[in-house]
Structures are given as structure tokens and as C-alpha cells.
Amino acid sequence: QVQLVESGGGLVQAGGSLRLSCAASGSAFNINAMTMGWFRQAPGKRRERVATVSSNGRTVYADSVKGRFTISRDNAKNTVTLQMSGLKPEDMAVYYCNAFGLEENYWGQGTQVTVSS
């Protein structure tokens, strides 16, 4: 069974930084075949993609976070991280780790990011 476990959420003041981490586990999980990503969902809003990093290292960011967030992956450790800086109140949401491949799509349980103004 594949599990994605996020960590690193919390409360931060506007302009501050947080680092989210996601660790994947499971005998059936092959990170080398997966695109890893971070999504977020604010209250009353749809879940949206924040950033993804493909198996070949190509990154894609939402326009709203470009220049402020950086996604990276460590295939040897089965982890993906999201470094967030210049946080804004509108970044406040539950952040979810995601891994998807040709036939798989996995989600973490989510971690709350709260940004105070």
C-alpha cells in the first residue's frame, strides 16, 4: 500500500517562509515513474495545482506562486519538498502531496498552512 505523508505546515506571518515535505512509502511505489506535486485547497474553493516536478525534473508552477515557491524531489529518499517564501494570506490552505503516473494517482492527507496578515 502506498502512503504519502506530508509535514512542515504551520502558522507563519505574511512574508515568511515554510518548507513542506512529503515522504512516499510502499513496496509498489516507484518514484522514478511518477510526477510529484503539491496541490492546495482553501475553504470554499476547489483544489488547485501549486507545483509539479516530473520524473525528468521538469517543473511547473501556478502563476500565483512563481518566483516564491520552489519544488524539488529526491528520488533516492522518495521525497518531494515545497519551499515557500514570501507567503501571502491568500496562500493559506490545506496543502496536499500528490504522486501520479500512468495508472496511479496517490494523495497525502494534507497539511495546514496558515498565513497571518
N, C-alpha and C. Protein backbone atom coordinates (compact mmCIF):
# COMPACT_ATOMS: atom_id res chain seq x y z
N GLN A 1 0.85 -1.20 0.00
CA GLN A 1 0.00 0.00 0.00
C GLN A 1 0.88 1.24 0.00
N VAL A 2 0.55 2.18 -0.87
CA VAL A 2 1.34 3.40 -1.00
C VAL A 2 0.81 4.46 -0.04
N GLN A 3 1.73 5.12 0.63
CA GLN A 3 1.36 6.22 1.52
C GLN A 3 2.20 7.44 1.21
N LEU A 4 1.56 8.59 1.23
CA LEU A 4 2.25 9.87 1.13
C LEU A 4 1.98 10.61 2.44
N VAL A 5 3.03 11.02 3.11
CA VAL A 5 2.88 11.69 4.40
C VAL A 5 3.54 13.05 4.33
N GLU A 6 2.71 14.09 4.52
CA GLU A 6 3.22 15.46 4.48
C GLU A 6 3.63 15.92 5.87
N SER A 7 4.53 16.87 5.89
CA SER A 7 4.93 17.51 7.14
C SER A 7 5.41 18.92 6.82
N GLY A 8 5.47 19.75 7.86
CA GLY A 8 6.05 21.08 7.70
C GLY A 8 5.05 22.22 7.66
N GLY A 9 3.77 21.93 7.69
CA GLY A 9 2.80 23.01 7.71
C GLY A 9 2.81 23.72 9.04
N GLY A 10 2.09 24.81 9.11
CA GLY A 10 2.02 25.55 10.36
C GLY A 10 1.56 26.97 10.15
N LEU A 11 1.80 27.79 11.16
CA LEU A 11 1.41 29.19 11.16
C LEU A 11 2.62 30.06 10.89
N VAL A 12 2.46 31.00 9.98
CA VAL A 12 3.56 31.89 9.63
C VAL A 12 2.99 33.27 9.34
N GLN A 13 3.76 34.29 9.60
CA GLN A 13 3.34 35.64 9.27
C GLN A 13 3.52 35.90 7.79
N ALA A 14 2.72 36.80 7.27
CA ALA A 14 2.85 37.19 5.87
C ALA A 14 4.29 37.64 5.60
N GLY A 15 4.82 37.17 4.48
CA GLY A 15 6.20 37.46 4.14
C GLY A 15 7.18 36.40 4.61
N GLY A 16 6.71 35.50 5.44
CA GLY A 16 7.57 34.46 5.98
C GLY A 16 7.72 33.27 5.05
N SER A 17 8.40 32.25 5.57
CA SER A 17 8.71 31.06 4.78
C SER A 17 8.31 29.79 5.52
N LEU A 18 7.99 28.78 4.74
CA LEU A 18 7.74 27.45 5.26
C LEU A 18 8.28 26.45 4.25
N ARG A 19 8.63 25.28 4.77
CA ARG A 19 9.10 24.20 3.91
C ARG A 19 8.23 22.98 4.17
N LEU A 20 7.55 22.54 3.13
CA LEU A 20 6.72 21.34 3.22
C LEU A 20 7.50 20.14 2.67
N SER A 21 7.33 19.03 3.33
CA SER A 21 7.97 17.81 2.86
C SER A 21 6.93 16.71 2.73
N CYS A 22 7.19 15.81 1.81
CA CYS A 22 6.30 14.67 1.59
C CYS A 22 7.16 13.44 1.40
N ALA A 23 6.88 12.43 2.20
CA ALA A 23 7.62 11.18 2.11
C ALA A 23 6.69 10.09 1.60
N ALA A 24 7.13 9.41 0.58
CA ALA A 24 6.34 8.33 -0.01
C ALA A 24 6.89 6.99 0.42
N SER A 25 5.98 6.07 0.64
CA SER A 25 6.40 4.73 1.03
C SER A 25 5.45 3.69 0.44
N GLY A 26 5.92 2.45 0.41
CA GLY A 26 5.12 1.37 -0.12
C GLY A 26 5.92 0.57 -1.13
N SER A 27 5.80 -0.71 -1.04
CA SER A 27 6.61 -1.57 -1.90
C SER A 27 6.24 -1.40 -3.37
N ALA A 28 5.01 -0.96 -3.64
CA ALA A 28 4.57 -0.81 -5.02
C ALA A 28 4.91 0.56 -5.60
N PHE A 29 5.51 1.42 -4.78
CA PHE A 29 5.76 2.79 -5.23
C PHE A 29 7.11 2.91 -5.91
N ASN A 30 7.07 3.41 -7.14
CA ASN A 30 8.29 3.66 -7.90
C ASN A 30 8.33 5.14 -8.25
N ILE A 31 9.04 5.90 -7.45
CA ILE A 31 9.04 7.35 -7.64
C ILE A 31 9.62 7.75 -8.99
N ASN A 32 10.48 6.92 -9.52
CA ASN A 32 11.12 7.25 -10.80
C ASN A 32 10.11 7.31 -11.94
N ALA A 33 8.95 6.72 -11.74
CA ALA A 33 7.92 6.70 -12.78
C ALA A 33 6.80 7.70 -12.49
N MET A 34 6.98 8.51 -11.46
CA MET A 34 5.89 9.36 -11.01
C MET A 34 6.20 10.84 -11.18
N THR A 35 5.17 11.60 -11.52
CA THR A 35 5.23 13.04 -11.38
C THR A 35 4.78 13.36 -9.97
N MET A 36 5.58 14.14 -9.28
CA MET A 36 5.26 14.51 -7.90
C MET A 36 4.77 15.96 -7.88
N GLY A 37 3.84 16.24 -7.00
CA GLY A 37 3.33 17.60 -6.98
C GLY A 37 2.72 18.00 -5.66
N TRP A 38 2.43 19.27 -5.58
CA TRP A 38 1.73 19.85 -4.44
C TRP A 38 0.48 20.57 -4.95
N PHE A 39 -0.62 20.32 -4.27
CA PHE A 39 -1.87 20.98 -4.55
C PHE A 39 -2.33 21.64 -3.25
N ARG A 40 -3.29 22.53 -3.37
CA ARG A 40 -3.83 23.15 -2.17
C ARG A 40 -5.32 23.41 -2.33
N GLN A 41 -5.97 23.47 -1.19
CA GLN A 41 -7.39 23.75 -1.19
C GLN A 41 -7.73 24.66 -0.03
N ALA A 42 -8.23 25.83 -0.36
CA ALA A 42 -8.68 26.78 0.65
C ALA A 42 -10.17 26.55 0.90
N PRO A 43 -10.67 26.97 2.05
CA PRO A 43 -12.10 26.78 2.38
C PRO A 43 -12.99 27.37 1.30
N GLY A 44 -13.94 26.59 0.84
CA GLY A 44 -14.89 27.05 -0.15
C GLY A 44 -14.36 27.12 -1.57
N LYS A 45 -13.13 26.67 -1.77
CA LYS A 45 -12.53 26.73 -3.09
C LYS A 45 -12.17 25.34 -3.59
N ARG A 46 -11.97 25.23 -4.88
CA ARG A 46 -11.57 23.97 -5.47
C ARG A 46 -10.09 23.72 -5.22
N ARG A 47 -9.73 22.44 -5.20
CA ARG A 47 -8.32 22.10 -5.08
C ARG A 47 -7.61 22.57 -6.34
N GLU A 48 -6.44 23.17 -6.15
CA GLU A 48 -5.70 23.69 -7.29
C GLU A 48 -4.25 23.21 -7.25
N ARG A 49 -3.68 23.10 -8.41
CA ARG A 49 -2.28 22.69 -8.50
C ARG A 49 -1.39 23.87 -8.11
N VAL A 50 -0.41 23.59 -7.28
CA VAL A 50 0.57 24.60 -6.89
C VAL A 50 1.84 24.43 -7.71
N ALA A 51 2.37 23.22 -7.71
CA ALA A 51 3.60 22.95 -8.44
C ALA A 51 3.75 21.45 -8.66
N THR A 52 4.37 21.09 -9.76
CA THR A 52 4.68 19.69 -10.03
C THR A 52 6.11 19.57 -10.54
N VAL A 53 6.68 18.40 -10.31
CA VAL A 53 8.00 18.10 -10.86
C VAL A 53 7.93 16.70 -11.46
N SER A 54 8.24 16.60 -12.72
CA SER A 54 8.12 15.32 -13.42
C SER A 54 9.32 14.44 -13.13
N SER A 55 9.25 13.22 -13.64
CA SER A 55 10.33 12.27 -13.38
C SER A 55 11.65 12.73 -14.00
N ASN A 56 11.58 13.57 -15.03
CA ASN A 56 12.82 14.08 -15.65
C ASN A 56 13.23 15.44 -15.08
N GLY A 57 12.52 15.89 -14.03
CA GLY A 57 12.91 17.11 -13.36
C GLY A 57 12.24 18.38 -13.85
N ARG A 58 11.36 18.26 -14.81
CA ARG A 58 10.68 19.45 -15.32
C ARG A 58 9.68 19.94 -14.28
N THR A 59 9.73 21.22 -14.02
CA THR A 59 8.84 21.80 -13.02
C THR A 59 7.80 22.70 -13.67
N VAL A 60 6.63 22.71 -13.06
CA VAL A 60 5.55 23.59 -13.50
C VAL A 60 4.96 24.23 -12.25
N TYR A 61 4.75 25.53 -12.32
CA TYR A 61 4.21 26.26 -11.18
C TYR A 61 2.93 27.00 -11.56
N ALA A 62 2.06 27.13 -10.59
CA ALA A 62 0.92 28.02 -10.76
C ALA A 62 1.44 29.45 -10.86
N ASP A 63 0.78 30.26 -11.66
CA ASP A 63 1.22 31.65 -11.82
C ASP A 63 1.29 32.37 -10.48
N SER A 64 0.39 32.03 -9.60
CA SER A 64 0.29 32.74 -8.32
C SER A 64 1.48 32.49 -7.40
N VAL A 65 2.27 31.45 -7.67
CA VAL A 65 3.39 31.14 -6.78
C VAL A 65 4.75 31.25 -7.46
N LYS A 66 4.76 31.53 -8.74
CA LYS A 66 6.03 31.63 -9.47
C LYS A 66 6.93 32.67 -8.83
N GLY A 67 8.18 32.29 -8.66
CA GLY A 67 9.14 33.19 -8.06
C GLY A 67 9.15 33.17 -6.55
N ARG A 68 8.18 32.51 -5.95
CA ARG A 68 8.11 32.46 -4.48
C ARG A 68 8.26 31.03 -3.95
N PHE A 69 7.76 30.06 -4.71
CA PHE A 69 7.80 28.66 -4.28
C PHE A 69 8.78 27.88 -5.17
N THR A 70 9.40 26.89 -4.57
CA THR A 70 10.30 26.01 -5.31
C THR A 70 10.00 24.57 -4.93
N ILE A 71 9.76 23.75 -5.95
CA ILE A 71 9.52 22.33 -5.72
C ILE A 71 10.78 21.55 -6.10
N SER A 72 11.05 20.52 -5.33
CA SER A 72 12.20 19.67 -5.63
C SER A 72 11.89 18.24 -5.20
N ARG A 73 12.62 17.32 -5.76
CA ARG A 73 12.41 15.92 -5.43
C ARG A 73 13.74 15.24 -5.18
N ASP A 74 13.70 14.23 -4.34
CA ASP A 74 14.87 13.40 -4.07
C ASP A 74 14.45 11.96 -4.27
N ASN A 75 14.76 11.42 -5.42
CA ASN A 75 14.29 10.08 -5.75
C ASN A 75 14.93 9.02 -4.84
N ALA A 76 16.12 9.27 -4.39
CA ALA A 76 16.78 8.30 -3.52
C ALA A 76 16.08 8.18 -2.17
N LYS A 77 15.45 9.27 -1.75
CA LYS A 77 14.77 9.28 -0.46
C LYS A 77 13.25 9.20 -0.59
N ASN A 78 12.76 9.13 -1.82
CA ASN A 78 11.31 9.09 -2.06
C ASN A 78 10.61 10.29 -1.45
N THR A 79 11.19 11.46 -1.65
CA THR A 79 10.60 12.65 -1.06
C THR A 79 10.43 13.76 -2.09
N VAL A 80 9.50 14.64 -1.80
CA VAL A 80 9.31 15.86 -2.58
C VAL A 80 9.09 16.98 -1.58
N THR A 81 9.70 18.11 -1.85
CA THR A 81 9.58 19.24 -0.95
C THR A 81 9.05 20.46 -1.68
N LEU A 82 8.46 21.35 -0.92
CA LEU A 82 7.99 22.61 -1.45
C LEU A 82 8.50 23.71 -0.53
N GLN A 83 9.44 24.47 -1.02
CA GLN A 83 9.97 25.61 -0.27
C GLN A 83 9.12 26.82 -0.62
N MET A 84 8.51 27.40 0.40
CA MET A 84 7.62 28.53 0.17
C MET A 84 8.19 29.76 0.86
N SER A 85 8.29 30.84 0.12
CA SER A 85 8.75 32.08 0.70
C SER A 85 7.83 33.20 0.26
N GLY A 86 7.96 34.34 0.91
CA GLY A 86 7.08 35.46 0.58
C GLY A 86 5.62 35.09 0.70
N LEU A 87 5.28 34.33 1.75
CA LEU A 87 3.92 33.84 1.88
C LEU A 87 2.92 34.97 2.06
N LYS A 88 1.77 34.79 1.45
CA LYS A 88 0.69 35.77 1.49
C LYS A 88 -0.53 35.15 2.14
N PRO A 89 -1.42 35.96 2.66
CA PRO A 89 -2.65 35.40 3.24
C PRO A 89 -3.42 34.51 2.27
N GLU A 90 -3.35 34.83 0.99
CA GLU A 90 -4.07 34.03 0.01
C GLU A 90 -3.42 32.67 -0.25
N ASP A 91 -2.24 32.44 0.32
CA ASP A 91 -1.62 31.12 0.23
C ASP A 91 -2.15 30.16 1.30
N MET A 92 -2.92 30.68 2.20
CA MET A 92 -3.44 29.86 3.29
C MET A 92 -4.40 28.80 2.74
N ALA A 93 -4.11 27.55 3.09
CA ALA A 93 -4.89 26.43 2.57
C ALA A 93 -4.37 25.14 3.20
N VAL A 94 -5.06 24.06 2.91
CA VAL A 94 -4.52 22.74 3.18
C VAL A 94 -3.73 22.32 1.95
N TYR A 95 -2.50 21.94 2.17
CA TYR A 95 -1.61 21.55 1.08
C TYR A 95 -1.51 20.02 1.03
N TYR A 96 -1.68 19.51 -0.18
CA TYR A 96 -1.68 18.07 -0.38
C TYR A 96 -0.53 17.65 -1.30
N CYS A 97 0.14 16.61 -0.91
CA CYS A 97 1.15 15.99 -1.75
C CYS A 97 0.45 15.03 -2.71
N ASN A 98 0.96 14.97 -3.92
CA ASN A 98 0.37 14.11 -4.94
C ASN A 98 1.45 13.41 -5.73
N ALA A 99 1.16 12.18 -6.08
CA ALA A 99 2.05 11.42 -6.96
C ALA A 99 1.18 10.75 -8.01
N PHE A 100 1.48 10.98 -9.26
CA PHE A 100 0.71 10.30 -10.29
C PHE A 100 1.60 9.79 -11.40
N GLY A 101 1.17 8.65 -11.92
CA GLY A 101 1.88 8.00 -13.01
C GLY A 101 0.89 7.58 -14.07
N LEU A 102 1.27 6.65 -14.89
CA LEU A 102 0.40 6.21 -15.99
C LEU A 102 -0.93 5.64 -15.47
N GLU A 103 -0.85 4.88 -14.41
CA GLU A 103 -2.07 4.22 -13.92
C GLU A 103 -2.30 4.45 -12.43
N GLU A 104 -1.52 5.32 -11.82
CA GLU A 104 -1.68 5.54 -10.38
C GLU A 104 -1.86 7.01 -10.08
N ASN A 105 -2.55 7.26 -9.00
CA ASN A 105 -2.73 8.62 -8.52
C ASN A 105 -2.89 8.54 -7.01
N TYR A 106 -1.92 9.08 -6.28
CA TYR A 106 -1.93 8.99 -4.83
C TYR A 106 -1.95 10.37 -4.21
N TRP A 107 -2.62 10.44 -3.05
CA TRP A 107 -2.70 11.71 -2.32
C TRP A 107 -2.28 11.51 -0.87
N GLY A 108 -1.69 12.54 -0.32
CA GLY A 108 -1.44 12.57 1.10
C GLY A 108 -2.67 13.07 1.84
N GLN A 109 -2.55 13.12 3.15
CA GLN A 109 -3.69 13.51 3.98
C GLN A 109 -3.83 15.02 4.11
N GLY A 110 -2.79 15.74 3.73
CA GLY A 110 -2.84 17.20 3.76
C GLY A 110 -2.20 17.78 5.01
N THR A 111 -1.66 18.98 4.85
CA THR A 111 -1.08 19.71 5.96
C THR A 111 -1.53 21.17 5.86
N GLN A 112 -1.91 21.72 7.00
CA GLN A 112 -2.47 23.07 7.00
C GLN A 112 -1.37 24.12 6.99
N VAL A 113 -1.52 25.09 6.13
CA VAL A 113 -0.65 26.27 6.11
C VAL A 113 -1.52 27.48 6.42
N THR A 114 -1.18 28.18 7.48
CA THR A 114 -1.92 29.36 7.88
C THR A 114 -1.00 30.57 7.82
N VAL A 115 -1.45 31.61 7.15
CA VAL A 115 -0.65 32.82 6.98
C VAL A 115 -1.40 33.98 7.62
N SER A 116 -0.79 34.58 8.61
CA SER A 116 -1.42 35.70 9.29
C SER A 116 -0.96 37.01 8.66
N SER A 117 -1.88 37.92 8.57
CA SER A 117 -1.56 39.22 7.94
C SER A 117 -1.16 40.25 8.98
